[in-house]
N, C-alpha and C. Protein backbone atom coordinates (compact mmCIF):
# COMPACT_ATOMS: atom_id res chain seq x y z
N MET A 1 85.28 -18.69 20.33
CA MET A 1 83.86 -18.83 20.04
C MET A 1 83.60 -18.41 18.60
N ASP A 2 82.82 -19.22 17.91
CA ASP A 2 82.52 -18.92 16.52
C ASP A 2 81.16 -18.26 16.33
N GLY A 3 80.44 -17.97 17.40
CA GLY A 3 79.15 -17.29 17.32
C GLY A 3 77.98 -18.21 17.01
N ALA A 4 78.23 -19.48 16.85
CA ALA A 4 77.15 -20.43 16.57
C ALA A 4 76.34 -20.66 17.85
N PRO A 5 75.02 -20.88 17.71
CA PRO A 5 74.21 -21.17 18.90
C PRO A 5 74.73 -22.40 19.61
N ARG A 6 74.67 -22.37 20.91
CA ARG A 6 75.13 -23.50 21.72
C ARG A 6 73.94 -24.17 22.38
N ARG A 7 74.04 -25.45 22.54
CA ARG A 7 73.02 -26.24 23.21
C ARG A 7 73.03 -25.90 24.70
N ILE A 8 71.85 -25.71 25.26
CA ILE A 8 71.73 -25.47 26.70
C ILE A 8 71.57 -26.82 27.38
N ASP A 9 72.42 -27.08 28.30
CA ASP A 9 72.40 -28.35 29.02
C ASP A 9 71.11 -28.47 29.83
N PRO A 10 70.34 -29.55 29.63
CA PRO A 10 69.10 -29.72 30.39
C PRO A 10 69.32 -29.76 31.90
N ALA A 11 70.52 -30.08 32.34
CA ALA A 11 70.80 -30.09 33.78
C ALA A 11 70.61 -28.71 34.39
N THR A 12 70.80 -27.68 33.59
CA THR A 12 70.61 -26.31 34.08
C THR A 12 69.17 -26.13 34.54
N ASP A 13 68.22 -26.59 33.74
CA ASP A 13 66.82 -26.47 34.13
C ASP A 13 66.50 -27.27 35.38
N ARG A 14 67.11 -28.45 35.53
CA ARG A 14 66.85 -29.26 36.72
C ARG A 14 67.37 -28.57 37.97
N VAL A 15 68.54 -27.96 37.88
CA VAL A 15 69.10 -27.25 39.03
C VAL A 15 68.24 -26.03 39.35
N ALA A 16 67.88 -25.27 38.33
CA ALA A 16 67.03 -24.09 38.55
C ALA A 16 65.68 -24.51 39.13
N ALA A 17 65.12 -25.58 38.62
CA ALA A 17 63.84 -26.06 39.13
C ALA A 17 63.95 -26.45 40.60
N HIS A 18 65.03 -27.09 40.96
CA HIS A 18 65.24 -27.46 42.36
C HIS A 18 65.32 -26.21 43.24
N LEU A 19 66.07 -25.20 42.80
CA LEU A 19 66.20 -23.96 43.57
C LEU A 19 64.88 -23.20 43.65
N LEU A 20 64.08 -23.27 42.60
CA LEU A 20 62.81 -22.56 42.57
C LEU A 20 61.67 -23.36 43.20
N GLY A 21 61.91 -24.63 43.47
CA GLY A 21 60.89 -25.47 44.08
C GLY A 21 59.78 -25.86 43.12
N CYS A 22 60.15 -26.15 41.86
CA CYS A 22 59.16 -26.53 40.86
C CYS A 22 59.75 -27.59 39.94
N SER A 23 58.99 -28.02 38.94
CA SER A 23 59.50 -28.99 37.98
C SER A 23 60.22 -28.25 36.85
N PRO A 24 61.12 -28.93 36.13
CA PRO A 24 61.82 -28.28 35.02
C PRO A 24 60.88 -27.74 33.94
N ALA A 25 59.70 -28.33 33.79
CA ALA A 25 58.74 -27.86 32.79
C ALA A 25 58.16 -26.50 33.16
N GLU A 26 58.28 -26.08 34.41
CA GLU A 26 57.74 -24.81 34.87
C GLU A 26 58.75 -23.67 34.81
N VAL A 27 60.01 -23.96 34.46
CA VAL A 27 61.06 -22.96 34.43
C VAL A 27 61.03 -22.19 33.11
N GLY A 28 61.17 -20.87 33.21
CA GLY A 28 61.24 -20.01 32.02
C GLY A 28 62.02 -18.75 32.36
N TYR A 29 62.09 -17.84 31.40
CA TYR A 29 62.89 -16.63 31.58
C TYR A 29 62.07 -15.47 32.10
N CYS A 30 62.66 -14.72 33.02
CA CYS A 30 62.05 -13.49 33.54
C CYS A 30 62.05 -12.46 32.40
N PRO A 31 60.93 -11.79 32.17
CA PRO A 31 60.88 -10.82 31.08
C PRO A 31 61.71 -9.57 31.33
N ARG A 32 62.07 -9.31 32.57
CA ARG A 32 62.86 -8.11 32.88
C ARG A 32 64.35 -8.33 32.78
N CYS A 33 64.85 -9.40 33.39
CA CYS A 33 66.31 -9.59 33.45
C CYS A 33 66.80 -10.82 32.69
N GLN A 34 65.88 -11.61 32.16
CA GLN A 34 66.18 -12.85 31.45
C GLN A 34 66.78 -13.94 32.35
N GLY A 35 66.68 -13.76 33.66
CA GLY A 35 67.07 -14.82 34.59
C GLY A 35 65.98 -15.88 34.63
N LEU A 36 66.30 -17.02 35.21
CA LEU A 36 65.32 -18.10 35.28
C LEU A 36 64.33 -17.85 36.41
N SER A 37 63.08 -18.18 36.14
CA SER A 37 61.99 -17.98 37.09
C SER A 37 60.98 -19.10 36.93
N ARG A 38 60.04 -19.20 37.85
CA ARG A 38 58.94 -20.17 37.73
C ARG A 38 57.86 -19.51 36.87
N ARG A 39 57.95 -19.72 35.56
CA ARG A 39 57.10 -19.02 34.60
C ARG A 39 55.81 -19.75 34.26
N TYR A 40 55.73 -21.03 34.53
CA TYR A 40 54.57 -21.83 34.11
C TYR A 40 54.10 -22.69 35.27
N GLY A 41 52.85 -23.10 35.22
CA GLY A 41 52.33 -24.01 36.24
C GLY A 41 51.40 -23.32 37.21
N PRO A 42 51.01 -24.03 38.26
CA PRO A 42 49.99 -23.51 39.18
C PRO A 42 50.47 -22.37 40.08
N ARG A 43 51.76 -22.30 40.36
CA ARG A 43 52.28 -21.24 41.24
C ARG A 43 53.22 -20.32 40.47
N VAL A 44 52.73 -19.78 39.38
CA VAL A 44 53.55 -19.00 38.45
C VAL A 44 54.08 -17.72 39.11
N GLU A 45 55.33 -17.40 38.80
CA GLU A 45 55.98 -16.15 39.21
C GLU A 45 56.52 -15.53 37.92
N VAL A 46 55.76 -14.67 37.30
CA VAL A 46 56.14 -14.14 35.99
C VAL A 46 57.46 -13.37 36.08
N VAL A 47 57.61 -12.55 37.10
CA VAL A 47 58.85 -11.80 37.32
C VAL A 47 59.65 -12.54 38.38
N CYS A 48 60.96 -12.68 38.17
CA CYS A 48 61.78 -13.46 39.09
C CYS A 48 61.88 -12.80 40.46
N ARG A 49 62.34 -13.57 41.41
CA ARG A 49 62.44 -13.11 42.80
C ARG A 49 63.38 -11.91 42.92
N ALA A 50 64.47 -11.92 42.18
CA ALA A 50 65.43 -10.81 42.26
C ALA A 50 64.80 -9.52 41.76
N CYS A 51 64.06 -9.58 40.68
CA CYS A 51 63.40 -8.37 40.14
C CYS A 51 62.31 -7.89 41.08
N ARG A 52 61.57 -8.82 41.69
CA ARG A 52 60.53 -8.42 42.65
C ARG A 52 61.16 -7.75 43.87
N ALA A 53 62.30 -8.29 44.34
CA ALA A 53 62.98 -7.71 45.49
C ALA A 53 63.51 -6.31 45.15
N ALA A 54 64.06 -6.14 43.96
CA ALA A 54 64.56 -4.83 43.54
C ALA A 54 63.41 -3.83 43.44
N GLU A 55 62.29 -4.29 42.93
CA GLU A 55 61.11 -3.43 42.81
C GLU A 55 60.61 -3.02 44.19
N ALA A 56 60.58 -3.96 45.13
CA ALA A 56 60.10 -3.67 46.48
C ALA A 56 61.04 -2.69 47.19
N SER A 57 62.35 -2.85 47.01
CA SER A 57 63.29 -1.94 47.68
C SER A 57 63.23 -0.55 47.08
N SER A 58 62.99 -0.45 45.78
CA SER A 58 62.86 0.88 45.17
C SER A 58 61.54 1.53 45.59
N ALA A 59 60.50 0.74 45.78
CA ALA A 59 59.22 1.28 46.26
C ALA A 59 59.37 1.76 47.70
N ASP A 60 60.16 1.07 48.52
CA ASP A 60 60.40 1.52 49.90
C ASP A 60 61.12 2.85 49.91
N GLY A 61 62.05 3.03 49.00
CA GLY A 61 62.79 4.29 48.92
C GLY A 61 61.91 5.44 48.49
N ARG A 62 60.93 5.21 47.62
CA ARG A 62 60.03 6.25 47.15
C ARG A 62 59.01 6.63 48.21
N ALA A 63 58.67 5.69 49.10
CA ALA A 63 57.64 5.94 50.10
C ALA A 63 58.13 6.87 51.20
N ARG A 64 59.41 7.02 51.33
CA ARG A 64 59.94 7.85 52.42
C ARG A 64 59.98 9.30 52.08
């Protein structure tokens, strides 16, 4: 690797969009982990599902 920026294959967004149940135009990066999330559109999820699940499990641990 020479450290030059690499092109991101648009197919990645299509696959992520399919998994997230949205269009590729709605896919963006989670601000916490930089994973892909449904960042734009009518059913926005600013923080990805994995970060929300981690947050919920840590909140369950604190409640006890």
